Amino acid sequence: MALFPRYQNKEIKATKSAAYELWHYKKDIWDVMEILEEGYPCSSSRRKQNIIENCIRKGNKIHKAVVADCGNYWVIIHFGFFSYKKR
């Protein structure tokens, strides 16, 4: 079994602050991989070209993962979720 999950044939790792956010919401890197694979792009502002911001809807919450391409691996720079309001 792999220690780190892989997305687009690169490992996914987390920064210290992103690891704390994942721990706070009781999620792990495998949940981020699911968001990257099954989610949709949801950037609220312009990001650099090497940064991906994907979301997935679960119930009335939107889970968001922001990852950056560092060449040989992806690094999680932010994880969070917010409420979904129908308008």
N, C-alpha and C. Protein backbone atom coordinates (compact mmCIF):
# COMPACT_ATOMS: atom_id res chain seq x y z
N MET A 1 0.83 -1.18 0.00
CA MET A 1 0.00 0.00 0.00
C MET A 1 0.89 1.25 0.00
N ALA A 2 0.50 2.21 -0.80
CA ALA A 2 1.27 3.44 -0.92
C ALA A 2 1.06 4.33 0.30
N LEU A 3 2.12 5.00 0.70
CA LEU A 3 2.03 5.92 1.83
C LEU A 3 1.25 7.18 1.44
N PHE A 4 1.52 7.72 0.25
CA PHE A 4 0.82 8.89 -0.25
C PHE A 4 -0.03 8.50 -1.45
N PRO A 5 -1.26 9.02 -1.55
CA PRO A 5 -2.07 8.74 -2.75
C PRO A 5 -1.49 9.46 -3.96
N ARG A 6 -1.86 9.02 -5.14
CA ARG A 6 -1.32 9.59 -6.37
C ARG A 6 -2.45 10.18 -7.20
N TYR A 7 -2.20 11.36 -7.75
CA TYR A 7 -3.11 12.03 -8.67
C TYR A 7 -2.30 12.45 -9.88
N GLN A 8 -2.73 12.04 -11.06
CA GLN A 8 -2.01 12.27 -12.32
C GLN A 8 -0.57 11.78 -12.22
N ASN A 9 -0.40 10.63 -11.62
CA ASN A 9 0.88 9.94 -11.47
C ASN A 9 1.90 10.72 -10.62
N LYS A 10 1.42 11.59 -9.72
CA LYS A 10 2.28 12.32 -8.78
C LYS A 10 1.70 12.14 -7.38
N GLU A 11 2.56 12.05 -6.38
CA GLU A 11 2.11 11.92 -5.00
C GLU A 11 1.47 13.22 -4.52
N ILE A 12 0.54 13.08 -3.58
CA ILE A 12 -0.10 14.24 -2.95
C ILE A 12 0.43 14.35 -1.53
N LYS A 13 1.00 15.51 -1.21
CA LYS A 13 1.52 15.77 0.13
C LYS A 13 0.85 17.04 0.66
N ALA A 14 1.03 17.35 1.94
CA ALA A 14 0.37 18.52 2.53
C ALA A 14 1.37 19.41 3.26
N THR A 15 1.09 20.70 3.25
CA THR A 15 1.87 21.63 4.07
C THR A 15 1.42 21.47 5.52
N LYS A 16 2.16 22.06 6.43
CA LYS A 16 1.81 21.95 7.84
C LYS A 16 0.45 22.57 8.13
N SER A 17 0.17 23.74 7.57
CA SER A 17 -1.12 24.38 7.82
C SER A 17 -2.27 23.61 7.17
N ALA A 18 -2.05 23.06 5.98
CA ALA A 18 -3.09 22.26 5.33
C ALA A 18 -3.33 20.96 6.09
N ALA A 19 -2.27 20.36 6.64
CA ALA A 19 -2.43 19.15 7.44
C ALA A 19 -3.26 19.45 8.69
N TYR A 20 -3.05 20.62 9.28
CA TYR A 20 -3.85 21.01 10.44
C TYR A 20 -5.31 21.21 10.04
N GLU A 21 -5.56 21.83 8.88
CA GLU A 21 -6.94 22.00 8.42
C GLU A 21 -7.61 20.65 8.18
N LEU A 22 -6.90 19.72 7.57
CA LEU A 22 -7.45 18.37 7.36
C LEU A 22 -7.76 17.70 8.69
N TRP A 23 -6.85 17.82 9.65
CA TRP A 23 -7.07 17.22 10.97
C TRP A 23 -8.27 17.87 11.66
N HIS A 24 -8.41 19.18 11.53
CA HIS A 24 -9.49 19.91 12.17
C HIS A 24 -10.86 19.45 11.65
N TYR A 25 -10.95 19.18 10.35
CA TYR A 25 -12.20 18.73 9.75
C TYR A 25 -12.35 17.22 9.71
N LYS A 26 -11.40 16.50 10.34
CA LYS A 26 -11.41 15.03 10.39
C LYS A 26 -11.42 14.40 9.00
N LYS A 27 -10.55 14.90 8.14
CA LYS A 27 -10.36 14.39 6.78
C LYS A 27 -8.90 14.00 6.61
N ASP A 28 -8.59 13.33 5.50
CA ASP A 28 -7.21 12.97 5.21
C ASP A 28 -6.89 13.21 3.74
N ILE A 29 -5.68 12.84 3.35
CA ILE A 29 -5.22 13.10 1.99
C ILE A 29 -6.03 12.31 0.97
N TRP A 30 -6.53 11.17 1.36
CA TRP A 30 -7.35 10.36 0.45
C TRP A 30 -8.65 11.08 0.10
N ASP A 31 -9.21 11.85 1.03
CA ASP A 31 -10.40 12.65 0.73
C ASP A 31 -10.07 13.75 -0.28
N VAL A 32 -8.89 14.33 -0.17
CA VAL A 32 -8.46 15.35 -1.13
C VAL A 32 -8.31 14.73 -2.51
N MET A 33 -7.78 13.52 -2.59
CA MET A 33 -7.65 12.84 -3.88
C MET A 33 -9.03 12.63 -4.50
N GLU A 34 -10.02 12.27 -3.69
CA GLU A 34 -11.39 12.08 -4.20
C GLU A 34 -11.93 13.40 -4.76
N ILE A 35 -11.68 14.50 -4.07
CA ILE A 35 -12.14 15.81 -4.55
C ILE A 35 -11.46 16.17 -5.87
N LEU A 36 -10.17 15.89 -5.99
CA LEU A 36 -9.46 16.19 -7.22
C LEU A 36 -9.96 15.35 -8.39
N GLU A 37 -10.26 14.08 -8.15
CA GLU A 37 -10.69 13.20 -9.22
C GLU A 37 -12.15 13.40 -9.61
N GLU A 38 -13.04 13.58 -8.64
CA GLU A 38 -14.47 13.61 -8.91
C GLU A 38 -15.06 15.02 -8.86
N GLY A 39 -14.30 15.99 -8.37
CA GLY A 39 -14.82 17.33 -8.19
C GLY A 39 -14.81 18.17 -9.46
N TYR A 40 -15.21 19.41 -9.30
CA TYR A 40 -15.26 20.36 -10.41
C TYR A 40 -14.43 21.60 -10.05
N PRO A 41 -13.90 22.31 -11.05
CA PRO A 41 -13.12 23.51 -10.76
C PRO A 41 -14.02 24.60 -10.19
N CYS A 42 -13.57 25.26 -9.13
CA CYS A 42 -14.43 26.24 -8.45
C CYS A 42 -13.62 27.42 -7.95
N SER A 43 -12.67 27.88 -8.71
CA SER A 43 -11.84 28.98 -8.21
C SER A 43 -12.67 30.25 -8.10
N SER A 44 -12.57 30.89 -6.94
CA SER A 44 -13.30 32.13 -6.70
C SER A 44 -12.48 33.34 -7.14
N SER A 45 -11.21 33.14 -7.36
CA SER A 45 -10.35 34.21 -7.84
C SER A 45 -9.29 33.60 -8.76
N ARG A 46 -8.58 34.44 -9.47
CA ARG A 46 -7.54 33.93 -10.37
C ARG A 46 -6.40 33.35 -9.57
N ARG A 47 -5.96 32.21 -10.00
CA ARG A 47 -4.83 31.53 -9.36
C ARG A 47 -3.73 31.36 -10.40
N LYS A 48 -2.53 31.04 -9.94
CA LYS A 48 -1.44 30.77 -10.87
C LYS A 48 -1.76 29.52 -11.67
N GLN A 49 -1.04 29.32 -12.76
CA GLN A 49 -1.33 28.20 -13.65
C GLN A 49 -1.07 26.85 -13.01
N ASN A 50 -0.15 26.76 -12.07
CA ASN A 50 0.20 25.47 -11.49
C ASN A 50 -0.66 25.13 -10.26
N ILE A 51 -1.71 25.90 -10.00
CA ILE A 51 -2.56 25.66 -8.83
C ILE A 51 -3.95 25.22 -9.29
N ILE A 52 -4.45 24.14 -8.68
CA ILE A 52 -5.77 23.60 -8.97
C ILE A 52 -6.65 23.80 -7.75
N GLU A 53 -7.87 24.29 -7.97
CA GLU A 53 -8.84 24.48 -6.90
C GLU A 53 -10.10 23.74 -7.30
N ASN A 54 -10.38 22.61 -6.66
CA ASN A 54 -11.54 21.80 -6.98
C ASN A 54 -12.49 21.71 -5.80
N CYS A 55 -13.77 21.52 -6.10
CA CYS A 55 -14.80 21.38 -5.07
C CYS A 55 -15.66 20.16 -5.38
N ILE A 56 -16.32 19.68 -4.34
CA ILE A 56 -17.28 18.60 -4.49
C ILE A 56 -18.40 18.87 -3.49
N ARG A 57 -19.63 18.61 -3.92
CA ARG A 57 -20.78 18.87 -3.05
C ARG A 57 -21.18 17.59 -2.33
N LYS A 58 -21.30 17.69 -1.00
CA LYS A 58 -21.73 16.56 -0.18
C LYS A 58 -22.83 17.07 0.75
N GLY A 59 -24.07 16.73 0.43
CA GLY A 59 -25.20 17.24 1.21
C GLY A 59 -25.36 18.73 0.98
N ASN A 60 -25.41 19.50 2.06
CA ASN A 60 -25.52 20.95 1.92
C ASN A 60 -24.18 21.64 2.15
N LYS A 61 -23.07 20.90 2.03
CA LYS A 61 -21.73 21.45 2.20
C LYS A 61 -20.95 21.29 0.89
N ILE A 62 -20.08 22.25 0.63
CA ILE A 62 -19.14 22.20 -0.48
C ILE A 62 -17.75 22.02 0.11
N HIS A 63 -17.07 20.94 -0.24
CA HIS A 63 -15.71 20.68 0.23
C HIS A 63 -14.75 21.19 -0.85
N LYS A 64 -13.75 21.98 -0.43
CA LYS A 64 -12.82 22.60 -1.36
C LYS A 64 -11.39 22.18 -1.03
N ALA A 65 -10.65 21.83 -2.08
CA ALA A 65 -9.23 21.48 -1.95
C ALA A 65 -8.44 22.31 -2.95
N VAL A 66 -7.35 22.92 -2.47
CA VAL A 66 -6.47 23.71 -3.32
C VAL A 66 -5.09 23.06 -3.28
N VAL A 67 -4.59 22.66 -4.44
CA VAL A 67 -3.29 22.00 -4.52
C VAL A 67 -2.41 22.72 -5.54
N ALA A 68 -1.10 22.64 -5.31
CA ALA A 68 -0.13 23.26 -6.21
C ALA A 68 0.79 22.18 -6.77
N ASP A 69 1.14 22.33 -8.04
CA ASP A 69 2.05 21.40 -8.70
C ASP A 69 3.48 21.81 -8.40
N CYS A 70 4.24 20.91 -7.78
CA CYS A 70 5.64 21.20 -7.42
C CYS A 70 6.61 20.35 -8.24
N GLY A 71 6.23 19.99 -9.43
CA GLY A 71 7.12 19.20 -10.27
C GLY A 71 6.91 17.71 -10.09
N ASN A 72 7.49 17.13 -9.05
CA ASN A 72 7.39 15.68 -8.83
C ASN A 72 6.21 15.27 -7.96
N TYR A 73 5.53 16.23 -7.34
CA TYR A 73 4.41 15.90 -6.47
C TYR A 73 3.45 17.09 -6.39
N TRP A 74 2.23 16.83 -5.89
CA TRP A 74 1.25 17.87 -5.60
C TRP A 74 1.34 18.18 -4.12
N VAL A 75 1.18 19.45 -3.74
CA VAL A 75 1.17 19.81 -2.34
C VAL A 75 -0.16 20.52 -2.05
N ILE A 76 -0.84 20.08 -0.98
CA ILE A 76 -2.10 20.67 -0.57
C ILE A 76 -1.77 21.98 0.16
N ILE A 77 -2.35 23.08 -0.30
CA ILE A 77 -2.09 24.35 0.36
C ILE A 77 -3.31 24.85 1.13
N HIS A 78 -4.50 24.30 0.84
CA HIS A 78 -5.70 24.70 1.60
C HIS A 78 -6.77 23.63 1.47
N PHE A 79 -7.49 23.41 2.57
CA PHE A 79 -8.66 22.54 2.57
C PHE A 79 -9.72 23.17 3.45
N GLY A 80 -10.95 23.14 3.02
CA GLY A 80 -12.03 23.69 3.83
C GLY A 80 -13.37 23.34 3.24
N PHE A 81 -14.42 23.70 3.94
CA PHE A 81 -15.74 23.55 3.37
C PHE A 81 -16.64 24.68 3.84
N PHE A 82 -17.70 24.89 3.06
CA PHE A 82 -18.64 25.95 3.35
C PHE A 82 -20.03 25.50 2.97
N SER A 83 -21.05 26.25 3.40
CA SER A 83 -22.44 25.88 3.16
C SER A 83 -22.84 26.18 1.73
N TYR A 84 -23.74 25.36 1.21
CA TYR A 84 -24.30 25.55 -0.11
C TYR A 84 -25.67 26.15 0.05
N LYS A 85 -25.90 27.28 -0.61
CA LYS A 85 -27.21 27.93 -0.54
C LYS A 85 -27.79 28.00 -1.94
N LYS A 86 -28.98 27.46 -2.10
CA LYS A 86 -29.66 27.51 -3.37
C LYS A 86 -30.19 28.91 -3.60
N ARG A 87 -29.95 29.46 -4.77
CA ARG A 87 -30.43 30.82 -5.05
C ARG A 87 -31.37 30.83 -6.21
